[in-house]
Structures are given as structure tokens and as C-alpha cells.
N, C-alpha and C. Protein backbone atom coordinates (compact mmCIF):
# COMPACT_ATOMS: atom_id res chain seq x y z
N MET A 1 0.84 -1.17 0.00
CA MET A 1 0.00 0.00 0.00
C MET A 1 0.89 1.24 0.00
N LYS A 2 0.48 2.25 -0.71
CA LYS A 2 1.23 3.50 -0.84
C LYS A 2 0.56 4.61 -0.04
N GLU A 3 1.36 5.57 0.40
CA GLU A 3 0.82 6.79 0.97
C GLU A 3 1.42 7.96 0.22
N TYR A 4 0.70 9.06 0.20
CA TYR A 4 1.10 10.23 -0.58
C TYR A 4 1.12 11.46 0.30
N LYS A 5 1.94 12.41 -0.09
CA LYS A 5 2.08 13.66 0.64
C LYS A 5 2.20 14.79 -0.37
N VAL A 6 1.39 15.83 -0.20
CA VAL A 6 1.45 17.00 -1.07
C VAL A 6 2.10 18.13 -0.27
N VAL A 7 3.14 18.72 -0.85
CA VAL A 7 3.87 19.79 -0.18
C VAL A 7 3.76 21.04 -1.04
N GLU A 8 3.28 22.11 -0.43
CA GLU A 8 3.19 23.39 -1.13
C GLU A 8 4.57 24.03 -1.09
N LEU A 9 5.05 24.47 -2.25
CA LEU A 9 6.39 25.04 -2.35
C LEU A 9 6.40 26.50 -1.93
N LYS A 10 7.33 26.81 -1.06
CA LYS A 10 7.59 28.19 -0.64
C LYS A 10 9.11 28.35 -0.69
N LEU A 11 9.64 28.56 -1.88
CA LEU A 11 11.08 28.54 -2.09
C LEU A 11 11.74 29.90 -2.00
N GLY A 12 10.97 30.97 -2.03
CA GLY A 12 11.55 32.31 -2.02
C GLY A 12 12.09 32.68 -3.39
N PHE A 13 12.69 33.85 -3.46
CA PHE A 13 13.19 34.33 -4.75
C PHE A 13 14.67 34.04 -4.94
N ARG A 14 15.41 33.97 -3.86
CA ARG A 14 16.84 33.69 -3.95
C ARG A 14 17.08 32.21 -3.72
N ASN A 15 18.04 31.67 -4.42
CA ASN A 15 18.46 30.27 -4.25
C ASN A 15 17.30 29.29 -4.42
N ARG A 16 16.41 29.55 -5.36
CA ARG A 16 15.26 28.67 -5.58
C ARG A 16 15.70 27.24 -5.86
N SER A 17 16.70 27.08 -6.71
CA SER A 17 17.16 25.73 -7.06
C SER A 17 17.72 25.01 -5.84
N GLN A 18 18.52 25.71 -5.05
CA GLN A 18 19.10 25.10 -3.86
C GLN A 18 18.02 24.75 -2.84
N ASN A 19 17.06 25.65 -2.66
CA ASN A 19 15.97 25.38 -1.72
C ASN A 19 15.13 24.18 -2.17
N PHE A 20 14.89 24.07 -3.48
CA PHE A 20 14.14 22.94 -4.02
C PHE A 20 14.92 21.64 -3.81
N GLU A 21 16.21 21.69 -4.06
CA GLU A 21 17.05 20.52 -3.87
C GLU A 21 17.06 20.09 -2.40
N ASP A 22 17.17 21.06 -1.49
CA ASP A 22 17.14 20.75 -0.06
C ASP A 22 15.82 20.10 0.35
N LEU A 23 14.71 20.61 -0.20
CA LEU A 23 13.40 20.03 0.09
C LEU A 23 13.33 18.58 -0.38
N LEU A 24 13.80 18.32 -1.60
CA LEU A 24 13.78 16.95 -2.13
C LEU A 24 14.65 16.02 -1.30
N ASN A 25 15.84 16.48 -0.93
CA ASN A 25 16.75 15.65 -0.13
C ASN A 25 16.18 15.37 1.25
N GLN A 26 15.55 16.35 1.85
CA GLN A 26 14.95 16.16 3.18
C GLN A 26 13.90 15.06 3.14
N HIS A 27 13.03 15.11 2.14
CA HIS A 27 11.97 14.10 2.04
C HIS A 27 12.53 12.73 1.62
N ALA A 28 13.58 12.72 0.82
CA ALA A 28 14.20 11.45 0.43
C ALA A 28 14.78 10.74 1.65
N ARG A 29 15.36 11.49 2.58
CA ARG A 29 15.88 10.88 3.80
C ARG A 29 14.78 10.23 4.63
N GLU A 30 13.55 10.73 4.49
CA GLU A 30 12.41 10.17 5.21
C GLU A 30 11.73 9.04 4.44
N GLY A 31 12.28 8.68 3.28
CA GLY A 31 11.74 7.57 2.50
C GLY A 31 10.77 7.95 1.41
N TRP A 32 10.57 9.24 1.18
CA TRP A 32 9.64 9.70 0.15
C TRP A 32 10.34 9.76 -1.20
N THR A 33 9.60 9.45 -2.26
CA THR A 33 10.10 9.64 -3.63
C THR A 33 9.18 10.64 -4.32
N LEU A 34 9.77 11.42 -5.22
CA LEU A 34 9.01 12.42 -5.95
C LEU A 34 8.11 11.72 -6.96
N LYS A 35 6.82 11.99 -6.87
CA LYS A 35 5.84 11.37 -7.77
C LYS A 35 5.46 12.31 -8.90
N GLU A 36 5.21 13.57 -8.58
CA GLU A 36 4.72 14.50 -9.60
C GLU A 36 4.99 15.94 -9.18
N VAL A 37 5.27 16.78 -10.18
CA VAL A 37 5.34 18.22 -10.00
C VAL A 37 4.27 18.81 -10.91
N PRO A 38 3.10 19.15 -10.35
CA PRO A 38 2.02 19.68 -11.18
C PRO A 38 2.43 20.98 -11.87
N SER A 39 1.80 21.28 -12.98
CA SER A 39 2.13 22.49 -13.71
C SER A 39 1.96 23.71 -12.82
N GLY A 40 2.83 24.66 -12.97
CA GLY A 40 2.81 25.85 -12.14
C GLY A 40 3.83 25.81 -11.02
N TRP A 41 4.36 24.63 -10.72
CA TRP A 41 5.40 24.45 -9.70
C TRP A 41 5.00 25.03 -8.35
N ASN A 42 3.74 24.97 -8.00
CA ASN A 42 3.33 25.51 -6.70
C ASN A 42 3.25 24.43 -5.63
N SER A 43 3.36 23.16 -6.04
CA SER A 43 3.35 22.06 -5.08
C SER A 43 4.02 20.84 -5.71
N VAL A 44 4.37 19.87 -4.88
CA VAL A 44 4.92 18.61 -5.36
C VAL A 44 4.21 17.47 -4.62
N VAL A 45 4.19 16.31 -5.26
CA VAL A 45 3.56 15.13 -4.67
C VAL A 45 4.63 14.08 -4.43
N PHE A 46 4.71 13.59 -3.20
CA PHE A 46 5.65 12.54 -2.83
C PHE A 46 4.88 11.26 -2.56
N GLU A 47 5.60 10.12 -2.72
CA GLU A 47 4.99 8.81 -2.52
C GLU A 47 5.98 7.94 -1.75
N ARG A 48 5.46 7.05 -0.90
CA ARG A 48 6.29 6.03 -0.24
C ARG A 48 5.41 4.86 0.15
N ASP A 49 6.06 3.73 0.42
CA ASP A 49 5.35 2.55 0.90
C ASP A 49 4.90 2.80 2.33
N LYS A 50 3.64 2.50 2.60
CA LYS A 50 3.09 2.75 3.94
C LYS A 50 3.65 1.74 4.94
N ASN A 51 3.88 0.52 4.52
CA ASN A 51 4.35 -0.54 5.41
C ASN A 51 5.86 -0.73 5.27
N ARG A 52 6.60 0.32 5.47
CA ARG A 52 8.06 0.20 5.29
C ARG A 52 8.76 -0.15 6.56
């Protein structure tokens, strides 16, 4: 079974790429994988196994 998490992006104007990378790495350490970046880049969807 999978579980999903939607995170609203608040990256600021400076260092957007670095802030996005930090967000992805933080969630990857918790076992989340990036599932989707909806158009507009205002949020991202993460997925992981619920029974891990």
C-alpha cells in the first residue's frame, strides 16, 4: 500500500534551485520519492510505501 504527501512550495526568490534541492533531499531521507510536480510548480507530490 502506498501513501502520498502534497507539499506546497515556498522557495523564495533567492536560491530557488538550492531550496528545491534541499526540500527533495529532506523528504528522500524520510523515505519519500518524488511522484509528480504539477504544472505551475506551486506544489509537489511525494509517494512512499506505507508498510516500510
